[in-house]
Amino acid sequence: MKCYFFAIMLMAAGLGIVACNNVKSNGLETNRSENTQGAEALQNGEEDGEATNEKISYNDEEGENEDTFISGVDNIRMTWKEAVIQVSKPGEKVDIKTLTHAFVKMFPFTETNLALKKWLDSPEYAKQNDFHTHVKWINDPSIMVGCQINCELRSGYIRGILDTQTDRSTTTCYWNRKDGHKLFAAFVEDCSETPNWDNLLLVTFDYDPATGKMTADTGLPTLVERHLKGYDFYSITLPEEGKNILLSAIKLEDPETPNGDISEAGDFTIEWDGQTFSWRE
């Protein structure tokens, strides 16, 4: 776990970075299938940096409709479990670039996903394993932001991180399963101020070489949510080397005070057995 994670969490509230409009899923009046169709439309050729987080209506506590925006992470959160992603032709060889490209084409709702898409859309750019690019800020296209991308092709690992002072990144990797499938994971951090459960998201997909498609595999996210329930913040380190996943989490004395005292902190490991993950006690 990188040491700057907690430092950022405790200091970021005072940085004055552009804030996200994170919206909790409770009360959202939106149709999952319609939102998935929107993702598919973007997959078919949206201009770099032109993706927007959908404007929707929701019911407030007084029962009145208001307009707001779904954050990039929430756009993914609401649709990924129903998504079927065509990665390749059946039987075609794939690697981390192929799998990541399919994922970000389906879900281009954060700046880091857009940057990865821009990189992998270009055969010339995609040959480079270290790449820097710029994309438009999704909710303000007048702003351009840089993104550093690093790929460890042999170990099946990619990370794109924005040139900002807070954690805004997308990390992907995959594991070869005993049954011949692959398990693909993406951890998306879309944090403007202090990280919380609303702007962090882990998703996993099973890739079937017989069909060339990825479908949701909820086992790992469910495992993480069950064991980290009650913590205020967490971060996941997908393996750049090796197979296991590392996690760090903290509880605050007062969750309403992000830069307040920490009441509990923990480091955890999730172990890979060749087919799935289990929590190391």
Protein backbone atom coordinates (compact mmCIF):
# COMPACT_ATOMS: atom_id res chain seq x y z
CA MET A 1 0.00 0.00 0.00
CA LYS A 2 1.49 3.30 -1.00
CA CYS A 3 2.22 5.56 1.94
CA TYR A 4 0.63 8.64 0.44
CA PHE A 5 -2.88 7.17 0.61
CA PHE A 6 -3.66 8.17 4.18
CA ALA A 7 -1.77 11.45 3.87
CA ILE A 8 -3.97 12.41 0.95
CA MET A 9 -7.10 11.34 2.78
CA LEU A 10 -6.27 13.45 5.80
CA MET A 11 -5.07 16.52 3.92
CA ALA A 12 -7.21 16.64 0.79
CA ALA A 13 -10.18 18.39 2.40
CA GLY A 14 -8.17 21.62 2.39
CA LEU A 15 -6.79 21.43 -1.12
CA GLY A 16 -9.69 23.12 -2.85
CA ILE A 17 -9.69 20.75 -5.83
CA VAL A 18 -12.76 20.74 -8.08
CA ALA A 19 -15.47 18.76 -6.26
CA CYS A 20 -17.44 15.86 -7.71
CA ASN A 21 -21.19 15.70 -7.51
CA ASN A 22 -21.35 12.27 -5.92
CA VAL A 23 -24.92 10.96 -5.63
CA LYS A 24 -25.87 7.92 -3.59
CA SER A 25 -27.94 5.35 -5.41
CA ASN A 26 -30.83 5.51 -2.93
CA GLY A 27 -33.83 7.14 -4.62
CA LEU A 28 -32.35 7.37 -8.10
CA GLU A 29 -35.02 7.09 -10.75
CA THR A 30 -33.01 5.55 -13.55
CA ASN A 31 -33.30 2.38 -15.60
CA ARG A 32 -30.27 0.09 -15.58
CA SER A 33 -30.88 -1.18 -19.10
CA GLU A 34 -31.21 2.37 -20.45
CA ASN A 35 -27.99 3.39 -18.74
CA THR A 36 -26.21 0.34 -20.19
CA GLN A 37 -27.45 1.36 -23.65
CA GLY A 38 -25.89 4.76 -23.06
CA ALA A 39 -22.58 3.11 -22.25
CA GLU A 40 -22.81 1.05 -25.42
CA ALA A 41 -23.45 4.20 -27.45
CA LEU A 42 -20.31 5.80 -26.02
CA GLN A 43 -18.42 2.58 -26.73
CA ASN A 44 -19.20 3.01 -30.41
CA GLY A 45 -17.13 6.15 -30.91
CA GLU A 46 -17.55 9.07 -28.50
CA GLU A 47 -14.98 11.81 -29.09
CA ASP A 48 -12.12 11.89 -26.56
CA GLY A 49 -13.15 13.79 -23.46
CA GLU A 50 -16.73 14.34 -24.61
CA ALA A 51 -18.39 11.76 -22.37
CA THR A 52 -20.64 13.32 -19.74
CA ASN A 53 -22.10 12.07 -16.53
CA GLU A 54 -25.80 11.72 -17.17
CA LYS A 55 -28.22 14.29 -15.75
CA ILE A 56 -31.14 12.62 -14.00
CA SER A 57 -34.02 13.36 -11.66
CA TYR A 58 -34.33 11.99 -8.16
CA ASN A 59 -36.73 12.40 -5.27
CA ASP A 60 -35.46 14.44 -2.36
CA GLU A 61 -36.62 14.01 1.21
CA GLU A 62 -39.61 16.27 0.61
CA GLY A 63 -40.67 14.29 -2.44
CA GLU A 64 -39.79 16.99 -4.96
CA ASN A 65 -37.87 16.22 -8.14
CA GLU A 66 -34.47 17.86 -8.56
CA ASP A 67 -31.87 17.67 -11.32
CA THR A 68 -28.41 16.45 -10.46
CA PHE A 69 -25.53 14.53 -11.99
CA ILE A 70 -24.44 10.95 -11.44
CA SER A 71 -20.74 10.73 -10.73
CA GLY A 72 -18.52 8.70 -13.03
CA VAL A 73 -18.14 5.93 -10.46
CA ASP A 74 -21.89 5.78 -9.88
CA ASN A 75 -22.47 5.48 -13.63
CA ILE A 76 -20.35 2.32 -13.57
CA ARG A 77 -21.76 1.10 -10.26
CA MET A 78 -25.35 1.12 -11.54
CA THR A 79 -24.68 -0.86 -14.71
CA TRP A 80 -21.62 -3.10 -14.49
CA LYS A 81 -23.37 -6.15 -13.06
CA GLU A 82 -25.69 -6.36 -16.08
CA ALA A 83 -23.06 -5.55 -18.71
CA VAL A 84 -21.94 -8.11 -21.28
CA ILE A 85 -18.73 -6.89 -22.90
CA GLN A 86 -17.54 -8.27 -26.21
CA VAL A 87 -13.77 -8.33 -25.81
CA SER A 88 -12.59 -10.37 -28.79
CA LYS A 89 -13.56 -13.00 -31.29
CA PRO A 90 -14.08 -16.47 -29.76
CA GLY A 91 -10.76 -18.22 -29.21
CA GLU A 92 -8.71 -15.09 -29.94
CA LYS A 93 -5.71 -14.44 -27.68
CA VAL A 94 -6.16 -11.51 -25.28
CA ASP A 95 -3.93 -9.66 -22.83
CA ILE A 96 -4.38 -6.90 -20.24
CA LYS A 97 -4.52 -4.22 -22.93
CA THR A 98 -7.30 -6.06 -24.77
CA LEU A 99 -9.34 -6.57 -21.61
CA THR A 100 -8.81 -3.02 -20.34
CA HIS A 101 -9.70 -1.52 -23.72
CA ALA A 102 -13.02 -3.37 -23.75
CA PHE A 103 -13.77 -2.21 -20.20
CA VAL A 104 -13.05 1.50 -20.74
CA LYS A 105 -14.95 1.55 -24.04
CA MET A 106 -18.01 0.31 -22.19
CA PHE A 107 -17.47 2.61 -19.19
CA PRO A 108 -15.79 5.89 -20.28
CA PHE A 109 -17.31 7.83 -17.39
CA THR A 110 -14.16 8.99 -15.58
CA GLU A 111 -11.21 10.98 -16.83
CA THR A 112 -8.82 8.10 -16.21
CA ASN A 113 -11.02 5.70 -18.17
CA LEU A 114 -11.15 8.22 -21.00
CA ALA A 115 -7.36 8.52 -20.96
CA LEU A 116 -6.95 4.73 -21.10
CA LYS A 117 -9.46 4.60 -23.95
CA LYS A 118 -7.58 7.29 -25.87
CA TRP A 119 -4.32 5.37 -25.42
CA LEU A 120 -5.72 2.00 -26.44
CA ASP A 121 -7.88 3.33 -29.29
CA SER A 122 -4.67 4.15 -31.15
CA PRO A 123 -2.58 1.19 -32.36
CA GLU A 124 0.47 3.48 -32.38
CA TYR A 125 -0.05 4.74 -28.83
CA ALA A 126 -0.99 1.29 -27.51
CA LYS A 127 2.46 -0.06 -28.44
CA GLN A 128 3.90 2.11 -25.68
CA ASN A 129 3.83 0.71 -22.16
CA ASP A 130 4.56 4.11 -20.59
CA PHE A 131 2.38 6.87 -21.97
CA HIS A 132 1.24 10.37 -21.00
CA THR A 133 -1.82 12.02 -22.48
CA HIS A 134 -4.40 14.75 -21.83
CA VAL A 135 -8.19 14.53 -21.77
CA LYS A 136 -10.99 17.01 -21.13
CA TRP A 137 -12.45 17.27 -17.65
CA ILE A 138 -15.81 15.55 -18.07
CA ASN A 139 -17.96 18.08 -16.23
CA ASP A 140 -16.03 21.07 -17.59
CA PRO A 141 -14.64 20.41 -21.11
CA SER A 142 -12.78 23.73 -21.03
CA ILE A 143 -10.28 22.12 -18.63
CA MET A 144 -7.62 19.70 -19.86
CA VAL A 145 -6.00 17.31 -17.40
CA GLY A 146 -2.97 15.09 -17.84
CA CYS A 147 -2.85 11.36 -17.16
CA GLN A 148 0.19 9.11 -16.71
CA ILE A 149 -0.30 5.52 -17.86
CA ASN A 150 1.94 2.60 -16.97
CA CYS A 151 1.57 -0.96 -18.23
CA GLU A 152 3.32 -4.14 -17.10
CA LEU A 153 2.26 -6.31 -19.99
CA ARG A 154 3.92 -9.54 -18.83
CA SER A 155 2.36 -9.39 -15.38
CA GLY A 156 -1.01 -8.21 -16.69
CA TYR A 157 -1.22 -4.82 -14.94
CA ILE A 158 -2.18 -1.29 -16.03
CA ARG A 159 -2.57 1.92 -14.07
CA GLY A 160 -3.67 5.34 -15.26
CA ILE A 161 -3.44 8.20 -12.73
CA LEU A 162 -4.39 11.84 -13.24
CA ASP A 163 -1.93 14.68 -12.69
CA THR A 164 -3.91 15.96 -9.71
CA GLN A 165 -3.27 16.18 -5.98
CA THR A 166 -6.01 13.74 -5.06
CA ASP A 167 -6.50 10.07 -5.94
CA ARG A 168 -8.09 9.85 -9.38
CA SER A 169 -6.97 6.66 -11.05
CA THR A 170 -7.99 3.43 -12.75
CA THR A 171 -6.01 0.24 -12.12
CA THR A 172 -6.65 -3.01 -13.97
CA CYS A 173 -5.23 -6.53 -13.89
CA TYR A 174 -6.24 -10.12 -14.56
CA TRP A 175 -5.66 -13.64 -13.30
CA ASN A 176 -5.65 -16.90 -15.29
CA ARG A 177 -8.22 -19.30 -13.88
CA LYS A 178 -7.88 -23.06 -13.60
CA ASP A 179 -10.92 -23.54 -15.84
CA GLY A 180 -9.27 -21.65 -18.73
CA HIS A 181 -11.17 -18.41 -18.13
CA LYS A 182 -9.65 -15.13 -16.91
CA LEU A 183 -10.75 -12.95 -14.00
CA PHE A 184 -10.44 -9.25 -14.87
CA ALA A 185 -10.51 -6.56 -12.17
CA ALA A 186 -10.66 -2.77 -12.28
CA PHE A 187 -10.35 -0.48 -9.27
CA VAL A 188 -11.55 3.06 -10.00
CA GLU A 189 -10.75 5.98 -7.69
CA ASP A 190 -12.62 9.15 -8.62
CA CYS A 191 -11.84 11.22 -5.53
CA SER A 192 -11.92 14.99 -5.42
CA GLU A 193 -11.57 15.49 -1.70
CA THR A 194 -11.47 12.73 0.91
CA PRO A 195 -11.96 9.21 -0.48
CA ASN A 196 -15.14 7.45 0.58
CA TRP A 197 -17.31 4.55 -0.47
CA ASP A 198 -19.16 6.70 -3.02
CA ASN A 199 -16.15 7.48 -5.19
CA LEU A 200 -14.23 4.19 -4.95
CA LEU A 201 -15.31 1.12 -6.91
CA LEU A 202 -13.97 -2.39 -7.48
CA VAL A 203 -15.48 -4.37 -10.35
CA THR A 204 -14.59 -7.86 -11.61
CA PHE A 205 -15.51 -9.76 -14.76
CA ASP A 206 -15.10 -13.33 -15.92
CA TYR A 207 -13.68 -13.61 -19.44
CA ASP A 208 -14.80 -16.69 -21.37
CA PRO A 209 -12.43 -17.49 -24.28
CA ALA A 210 -15.09 -19.63 -25.93
CA THR A 211 -17.33 -16.59 -26.45
CA GLY A 212 -14.80 -13.75 -26.26
CA LYS A 213 -17.09 -12.01 -23.75
CA MET A 214 -16.76 -10.66 -20.21
CA THR A 215 -19.63 -10.93 -17.74
CA ALA A 216 -19.81 -9.73 -14.16
CA ASP A 217 -18.29 -11.86 -11.41
CA THR A 218 -19.42 -10.35 -8.11
CA GLY A 219 -17.47 -12.68 -5.79
CA LEU A 220 -14.48 -10.44 -5.07
CA PRO A 221 -16.38 -7.13 -4.63
CA THR A 222 -18.85 -8.87 -2.32
CA LEU A 223 -15.96 -10.31 -0.26
CA VAL A 224 -14.37 -6.87 0.10
CA GLU A 225 -17.63 -5.15 1.03
CA ARG A 226 -18.43 -7.78 3.67
CA HIS A 227 -15.07 -7.56 5.42
CA LEU A 228 -14.64 -3.78 5.18
CA LYS A 229 -18.17 -2.93 6.31
CA GLY A 230 -17.92 -0.35 9.07
CA TYR A 231 -14.71 1.26 7.81
CA ASP A 232 -14.93 4.85 6.59
CA PHE A 233 -12.22 4.76 3.91
CA TYR A 234 -10.34 2.04 2.11
CA SER A 235 -7.95 1.48 -0.76
CA ILE A 236 -7.08 -1.56 -2.82
CA THR A 237 -3.69 -2.39 -4.32
CA LEU A 238 -4.15 -4.73 -7.27
CA PRO A 239 -1.00 -6.80 -7.82
CA GLU A 240 1.61 -5.34 -10.12
CA GLU A 241 3.60 -8.44 -9.22
CA GLY A 242 2.35 -11.67 -7.67
CA LYS A 243 -1.27 -12.77 -7.33
CA ASN A 244 -2.64 -11.50 -4.01
CA ILE A 245 -4.52 -8.26 -3.38
CA LEU A 246 -3.61 -5.85 -0.56
CA LEU A 247 -6.10 -3.57 1.16
CA SER A 248 -5.87 -0.77 3.71
CA ALA A 249 -8.82 0.69 5.61
CA ILE A 250 -9.44 3.15 8.44
CA LYS A 251 -12.20 4.14 10.82
CA LEU A 252 -12.48 7.72 12.04
CA GLU A 253 -13.52 8.94 15.45
CA ASP A 254 -15.99 11.21 13.65
CA PRO A 255 -16.78 10.21 10.02
CA GLU A 256 -18.12 13.73 9.44
CA THR A 257 -14.62 15.11 10.05
CA PRO A 258 -12.39 13.59 7.32
CA ASN A 259 -9.19 15.11 8.76
CA GLY A 260 -10.02 14.04 12.31
CA ASP A 261 -8.57 11.35 14.53
CA ILE A 262 -8.29 7.74 13.34
CA SER A 263 -9.88 5.23 15.71
CA GLU A 264 -8.80 2.08 13.88
CA ALA A 265 -6.62 1.12 10.90
CA GLY A 266 -6.00 -2.20 9.25
CA ASP A 267 -4.01 -3.83 6.47
CA PHE A 268 -5.46 -6.93 4.86
CA THR A 269 -4.61 -9.53 2.22
CA ILE A 270 -6.90 -11.41 -0.16
CA GLU A 271 -5.32 -14.62 -1.46
CA TRP A 272 -5.68 -16.11 -4.94
CA ASP A 273 -6.11 -19.88 -5.19
CA GLY A 274 -6.06 -20.26 -8.96
CA GLN A 275 -9.81 -19.83 -9.41
CA THR A 276 -11.05 -17.28 -6.88
CA PHE A 277 -10.09 -15.25 -3.78
CA SER A 278 -10.34 -15.85 -0.05
CA TRP A 279 -9.79 -13.49 2.88
CA ARG A 280 -6.65 -14.11 4.91
CA GLU A 281 -7.58 -14.02 8.59
